[in-house]
Amino acid sequence: MKPFLPLLLICLLADLFNPAYTAAQNTEGEALLPDPGIVSYTFRNQFADDVPGTLDMIREMGFTNIEFSNLFGRSASEMRTLLDERGLICTSYGVSYDNLVNNTERVAEEAAILGASFVRVAWIPHESPFDIEDARQAIEDFEAAGKYLKDQNITFSYHNHGYEFRPYGEGTLFDYMVQNSNPDYVNFQLDTFWVAQPGHDPVQLLEKYPDRFTLVHLKDLKKGAEHDYSGGAPAEYDVQLGTGQIDFERLLRAAQHSNIEFFYIEDETEDVVSRVPRSRDYIQSITE
């Protein structure tokens, strides 16, 4: 047994100096975000092998709220049954741009079956670089689909992905999209990573448009990461919450004065089974 003790000591010391662990051990007061959700894409590899087992794992980690962007071969009805059996809920349903535009009715039906009150799109098809014509076409399509969804009591939100922050006029193309879309039909999901990666501050953006963001993806960006407008980034840029450059305490405080309804942790790395619980502990450690 002796060889095991140094290894255990190393693990304990690693935890001791881990920012997320340290914060979690010093929690005082009420958590600003006591019950974060999770994005299904985080566990895409696990879902691909075993849907029921992955849902069990998510529940065991303490999550109850899932944003689905893939049903992993199951129908909406089958997935809803699996969720209900485990006391899980789906509050947001992510679909492709093409499905939103060309299969709006079906998207609304599936969202309703899942119990989702939001539908979101995370990518606008375009030839790089994303430009004003792409933004204008997206607004037109989003408003048409958003109007239909609203009639079904579903809110549409567009998830930023970095390329929209190219400069345009006195701001960015993202500013143009917010300022020139109808808030009755089009709202936004704030992905913290894809605001910070092109060089912007998620908190400042939220404070600028507090009424237009309804959902959040909680994802941290590595300190010192290079900025660009590609909408893509190296895997190592995605780091555990609380270890990168994003100030999540400021974000959660600003969110108290916004229209945000749901927050979801997202992790795109391969080490999600061990990292996600730490990210959850960290975000829950931020108190009033």
Protein backbone atom coordinates (compact mmCIF):
# COMPACT_ATOMS: atom_id res chain seq x y z
CA MET A 1 0.00 0.00 0.00
CA LYS A 2 2.92 2.40 0.56
CA PRO A 3 3.33 3.39 -3.15
CA PHE A 4 -0.29 4.54 -3.11
CA LEU A 5 0.25 7.15 -0.35
CA PRO A 6 2.57 9.49 -2.27
CA LEU A 7 0.18 9.36 -5.21
CA LEU A 8 -2.75 10.23 -2.95
CA LEU A 9 -0.73 13.09 -1.46
CA ILE A 10 0.05 14.41 -4.93
CA CYS A 11 -3.65 14.32 -5.86
CA LEU A 12 -4.61 16.12 -2.65
CA LEU A 13 -2.00 18.81 -3.22
CA ALA A 14 -3.16 19.22 -6.81
CA ASP A 15 -6.68 19.83 -5.52
CA LEU A 16 -5.41 22.24 -2.88
CA PHE A 17 -3.84 24.50 -5.49
CA ASN A 18 -6.67 24.14 -7.99
CA PRO A 19 -8.58 27.48 -8.15
CA ALA A 20 -11.94 25.79 -8.61
CA TYR A 21 -11.37 23.46 -5.65
CA THR A 22 -10.09 26.25 -3.40
CA ALA A 23 -13.09 28.45 -4.21
CA ALA A 24 -15.50 25.60 -3.52
CA GLN A 25 -13.97 25.01 -0.09
CA ASN A 26 -14.49 28.66 0.86
CA THR A 27 -18.12 29.06 -0.05
CA GLU A 28 -20.09 31.43 2.16
CA GLY A 29 -23.60 32.75 1.66
CA GLU A 30 -26.09 31.92 -1.06
CA ALA A 31 -24.75 30.70 -4.40
CA LEU A 32 -25.47 33.12 -7.27
CA LEU A 33 -26.02 30.11 -9.52
CA PRO A 34 -27.01 27.14 -7.36
CA ASP A 35 -28.26 24.90 -10.17
CA PRO A 36 -26.42 25.31 -13.50
CA GLY A 37 -27.50 23.22 -16.46
CA ILE A 38 -25.33 21.26 -18.89
CA VAL A 39 -25.07 21.25 -22.69
CA SER A 40 -25.53 17.80 -24.23
CA TYR A 41 -22.64 18.47 -26.63
CA THR A 42 -20.31 18.30 -23.63
CA PHE A 43 -20.97 14.56 -23.35
CA ARG A 44 -21.35 13.88 -27.09
CA ASN A 45 -18.88 10.98 -27.01
CA GLN A 46 -20.60 9.36 -24.04
CA PHE A 47 -24.07 9.87 -25.56
CA ALA A 48 -22.88 8.27 -28.80
CA ASP A 49 -22.14 5.05 -26.87
CA ASP A 50 -24.92 4.96 -24.29
CA VAL A 51 -27.77 7.46 -24.07
CA PRO A 52 -29.49 6.14 -20.91
CA GLY A 53 -26.17 5.61 -19.13
CA THR A 54 -24.99 9.12 -19.96
CA LEU A 55 -28.22 10.61 -18.63
CA ASP A 56 -27.69 8.61 -15.44
CA MET A 57 -24.14 9.99 -15.16
CA ILE A 58 -25.36 13.57 -15.69
CA ARG A 59 -27.96 13.09 -12.96
CA GLU A 60 -25.36 11.63 -10.60
CA MET A 61 -23.18 14.70 -11.17
CA GLY A 62 -26.04 16.79 -9.78
CA PHE A 63 -27.41 18.28 -13.01
CA THR A 64 -31.14 18.33 -13.70
CA ASN A 65 -31.36 20.72 -16.68
CA ILE A 66 -29.99 19.84 -20.14
CA GLU A 67 -29.76 21.84 -23.34
CA PHE A 68 -29.89 19.36 -26.21
CA SER A 69 -28.33 20.06 -29.59
CA ASN A 70 -28.51 16.45 -30.71
CA LEU A 71 -30.94 13.68 -29.83
CA PHE A 72 -28.35 10.97 -30.51
CA GLY A 73 -30.57 8.77 -32.64
CA ARG A 74 -33.60 9.01 -30.38
CA SER A 75 -36.91 10.64 -31.24
CA ALA A 76 -38.01 13.63 -29.18
CA SER A 77 -40.66 11.41 -27.54
CA GLU A 78 -38.13 8.72 -26.66
CA MET A 79 -35.73 11.29 -25.21
CA ARG A 80 -38.51 12.91 -23.20
CA THR A 81 -39.39 9.53 -21.68
CA LEU A 82 -35.76 8.95 -20.70
CA LEU A 83 -35.61 12.41 -19.13
CA ASP A 84 -38.86 11.98 -17.22
CA GLU A 85 -37.72 8.63 -15.83
CA ARG A 86 -34.68 10.35 -14.30
CA GLY A 87 -36.25 13.59 -13.13
CA LEU A 88 -34.35 15.55 -15.78
CA ILE A 89 -35.64 18.43 -17.91
CA CYS A 90 -34.75 19.98 -21.25
CA THR A 91 -35.20 23.75 -21.33
CA SER A 92 -33.42 24.59 -24.60
CA TYR A 93 -33.27 22.74 -27.92
CA GLY A 94 -30.41 23.52 -30.28
CA VAL A 95 -30.98 23.01 -34.00
CA SER A 96 -29.14 23.76 -37.22
CA TYR A 97 -29.74 26.93 -39.21
CA ASP A 98 -31.14 24.84 -42.06
CA ASN A 99 -33.64 23.06 -39.82
CA LEU A 100 -34.72 26.29 -38.20
CA VAL A 101 -35.42 27.90 -41.57
CA ASN A 102 -36.72 24.96 -43.59
CA ASN A 103 -38.29 22.72 -40.93
CA THR A 104 -39.60 25.30 -38.49
CA GLU A 105 -42.81 23.40 -37.73
CA ARG A 106 -40.97 20.20 -36.93
CA VAL A 107 -38.47 22.06 -34.76
CA ALA A 108 -41.32 23.60 -32.78
CA GLU A 109 -43.02 20.21 -32.38
CA GLU A 110 -39.83 18.54 -31.13
CA ALA A 111 -39.08 21.39 -28.73
CA ALA A 112 -42.58 21.13 -27.30
CA ILE A 113 -42.28 17.36 -26.85
CA LEU A 114 -38.94 17.79 -25.08
CA GLY A 115 -40.45 20.49 -22.87
CA ALA A 116 -38.04 23.15 -24.12
CA SER A 117 -39.14 26.77 -23.92
CA PHE A 118 -36.18 27.90 -26.05
CA VAL A 119 -34.84 27.00 -29.48
CA ARG A 120 -31.35 28.13 -30.39
CA VAL A 121 -29.03 28.12 -33.40
CA ALA A 122 -25.25 28.24 -32.89
CA TRP A 123 -23.87 28.70 -36.41
CA ILE A 124 -24.77 30.81 -39.43
CA PRO A 125 -23.55 29.18 -42.68
CA HIS A 126 -21.22 31.61 -44.46
CA GLU A 127 -18.12 31.93 -46.58
CA SER A 128 -15.37 33.42 -44.45
CA PRO A 129 -15.23 36.21 -43.56
CA PHE A 130 -18.71 36.66 -42.13
CA ASP A 131 -20.02 39.96 -43.50
CA ILE A 132 -22.95 42.38 -43.39
CA GLU A 133 -24.91 40.49 -46.04
CA ASP A 134 -24.63 37.30 -43.98
CA ALA A 135 -25.86 39.22 -40.93
CA ARG A 136 -28.80 40.73 -42.80
CA GLN A 137 -29.89 37.39 -44.24
CA ALA A 138 -29.64 35.76 -40.83
CA ILE A 139 -31.79 38.46 -39.26
CA GLU A 140 -34.45 37.99 -41.92
CA ASP A 141 -34.48 34.22 -41.43
CA PHE A 142 -34.36 34.42 -37.64
CA GLU A 143 -37.28 36.85 -37.49
CA ALA A 144 -39.46 34.64 -39.69
CA ALA A 145 -38.73 31.51 -37.68
CA GLY A 146 -38.81 33.39 -34.38
CA LYS A 147 -42.30 34.71 -35.11
CA TYR A 148 -43.59 31.20 -35.76
CA LEU A 149 -41.90 29.87 -32.62
CA LYS A 150 -43.30 32.68 -30.50
CA ASP A 151 -46.80 31.69 -31.63
CA GLN A 152 -46.00 28.26 -30.17
CA ASN A 153 -44.81 29.86 -26.89
CA ILE A 154 -41.15 29.16 -27.70
CA THR A 155 -38.41 31.79 -27.63
CA PHE A 156 -35.72 31.83 -30.32
CA SER A 157 -32.14 32.68 -29.33
CA TYR A 158 -29.03 32.93 -31.49
CA HIS A 159 -25.77 31.70 -29.95
CA ASN A 160 -22.77 33.85 -30.85
CA HIS A 161 -19.71 32.05 -32.23
CA GLY A 162 -16.95 34.62 -32.52
CA TYR A 163 -17.06 35.57 -36.21
CA GLU A 164 -19.85 38.11 -35.57
CA PHE A 165 -17.45 40.39 -33.70
CA ARG A 166 -15.73 41.70 -36.80
CA PRO A 167 -15.76 45.51 -36.74
CA TYR A 168 -18.66 47.12 -38.57
CA GLY A 169 -19.65 50.79 -38.49
CA GLU A 170 -19.13 52.12 -34.99
CA GLY A 171 -19.34 48.66 -33.45
CA THR A 172 -19.36 45.07 -34.64
CA LEU A 173 -21.52 42.85 -36.81
CA PHE A 174 -22.91 41.41 -33.58
CA ASP A 175 -24.00 44.91 -32.55
CA TYR A 176 -25.70 45.24 -35.93
CA MET A 177 -27.56 41.95 -35.43
CA VAL A 178 -28.82 42.95 -32.00
CA GLN A 179 -29.77 46.49 -32.98
CA ASN A 180 -31.50 45.52 -36.23
CA SER A 181 -33.49 42.47 -35.15
CA ASN A 182 -36.94 42.47 -33.60
CA PRO A 183 -36.70 41.52 -29.90
CA ASP A 184 -40.19 40.06 -30.08
CA TYR A 185 -38.82 37.29 -32.32
CA VAL A 186 -35.02 37.23 -31.95
CA ASN A 187 -32.95 37.03 -28.79
CA PHE A 188 -29.49 35.75 -27.99
CA GLN A 189 -27.55 33.12 -26.10
CA LEU A 190 -24.29 34.45 -24.65
CA ASP A 191 -21.42 32.01 -25.10
CA THR A 192 -18.72 33.43 -22.82
CA PHE A 193 -15.85 31.68 -24.64
CA TRP A 194 -16.95 32.91 -28.08
CA VAL A 195 -17.18 36.49 -26.84
CA ALA A 196 -13.77 36.42 -25.17
CA GLN A 197 -11.97 34.52 -27.96
CA PRO A 198 -12.38 37.35 -30.53
CA GLY A 199 -11.19 39.80 -27.85
CA HIS A 200 -14.34 41.11 -26.16
CA ASP A 201 -15.58 41.12 -22.57
CA PRO A 202 -18.69 38.96 -21.96
CA VAL A 203 -19.68 41.08 -18.98
CA GLN A 204 -19.52 44.34 -20.91
CA LEU A 205 -21.57 42.78 -23.70
CA LEU A 206 -24.20 41.57 -21.24
CA GLU A 207 -24.35 44.99 -19.61
CA LYS A 208 -24.74 46.59 -23.03
CA TYR A 209 -27.68 44.37 -24.01
CA PRO A 210 -29.20 43.08 -20.74
CA ASP A 211 -32.66 42.66 -22.24
CA ARG A 212 -31.58 40.67 -25.30
CA PHE A 213 -29.73 37.74 -23.73
CA THR A 214 -31.92 34.91 -22.50
CA LEU A 215 -29.46 31.99 -22.19
CA VAL A 216 -25.76 31.54 -21.35
CA HIS A 217 -23.08 28.97 -22.15
CA LEU A 218 -20.52 29.00 -19.35
CA LYS A 219 -17.13 28.23 -20.88
CA ASP A 220 -13.70 29.59 -19.96
CA LEU A 221 -10.89 30.77 -22.26
CA LYS A 222 -7.23 30.05 -21.58
CA LYS A 223 -5.20 33.00 -20.35
CA GLY A 224 -3.01 34.42 -23.11
CA ALA A 225 -5.09 32.89 -25.91
CA GLU A 226 -4.73 34.58 -29.30
CA HIS A 227 -7.80 36.37 -30.62
CA ASP A 228 -9.35 36.05 -34.06
CA TYR A 229 -12.73 36.07 -35.84
CA SER A 230 -12.61 32.56 -37.32
CA GLY A 231 -15.22 30.96 -35.07
CA GLY A 232 -12.71 28.19 -34.35
CA ALA A 233 -10.05 27.70 -31.68
CA PRO A 234 -7.50 25.08 -30.54
CA ALA A 235 -8.89 22.55 -28.06
CA GLU A 236 -6.42 23.68 -25.40
CA TYR A 237 -8.06 27.11 -25.33
CA ASP A 238 -11.08 25.54 -23.61
CA VAL A 239 -10.16 25.37 -19.91
CA GLN A 240 -11.93 24.44 -16.70
CA LEU A 241 -14.19 27.17 -15.34
CA GLY A 242 -12.34 29.50 -13.00
CA THR A 243 -8.88 28.77 -14.42
CA GLY A 244 -9.01 31.01 -17.50
CA GLN A 245 -9.47 34.69 -18.22
CA ILE A 246 -13.24 35.15 -17.81
CA ASP A 247 -14.54 36.83 -14.65
CA PHE A 248 -17.55 34.66 -13.87
CA GLU A 249 -18.33 36.42 -10.60
CA ARG A 250 -18.82 39.71 -12.49
CA LEU A 251 -20.85 37.86 -15.10
CA LEU A 252 -23.24 36.30 -12.58
CA ARG A 253 -23.71 39.61 -10.81
CA ALA A 254 -24.44 41.40 -14.09
CA ALA A 255 -26.84 38.61 -15.05
CA GLN A 256 -29.03 39.47 -12.06
CA HIS A 257 -30.03 42.61 -13.97
CA SER A 258 -30.74 40.88 -17.28
CA ASN A 259 -33.34 38.67 -18.97
CA ILE A 260 -31.21 35.53 -18.70
CA GLU A 261 -33.25 32.50 -17.67
CA PHE A 262 -30.86 29.55 -17.95
CA PHE A 263 -27.12 28.93 -17.68
CA TYR A 264 -25.45 25.81 -19.08
CA ILE A 265 -21.91 24.58 -18.52
CA GLU A 266 -20.22 23.55 -21.77
CA ASP A 267 -16.90 21.76 -22.14
CA GLU A 268 -15.61 20.72 -25.57
CA THR A 269 -12.51 18.79 -24.43
CA GLU A 270 -12.04 15.04 -24.13
CA ASP A 271 -11.63 15.10 -20.33
CA VAL A 272 -15.19 16.14 -19.56
CA VAL A 273 -16.06 13.40 -17.07
CA SER A 274 -13.48 14.68 -14.57
CA ARG A 275 -13.54 18.38 -15.52
CA VAL A 276 -17.27 19.09 -15.53
CA PRO A 277 -17.84 18.35 -11.82
CA ARG A 278 -14.98 20.71 -10.96
CA SER A 279 -16.43 23.42 -13.17
CA ARG A 280 -19.80 22.92 -11.52
CA ASP A 281 -18.25 23.16 -8.04
CA TYR A 282 -16.48 26.36 -9.04
CA ILE A 283 -19.52 28.13 -10.47
CA GLN A 284 -21.62 27.11 -7.46
CA SER A 285 -18.95 28.51 -5.12
CA ILE A 286 -19.62 32.08 -6.30
CA THR A 287 -21.87 33.60 -3.66
CA GLU A 288 -23.89 36.72 -3.03
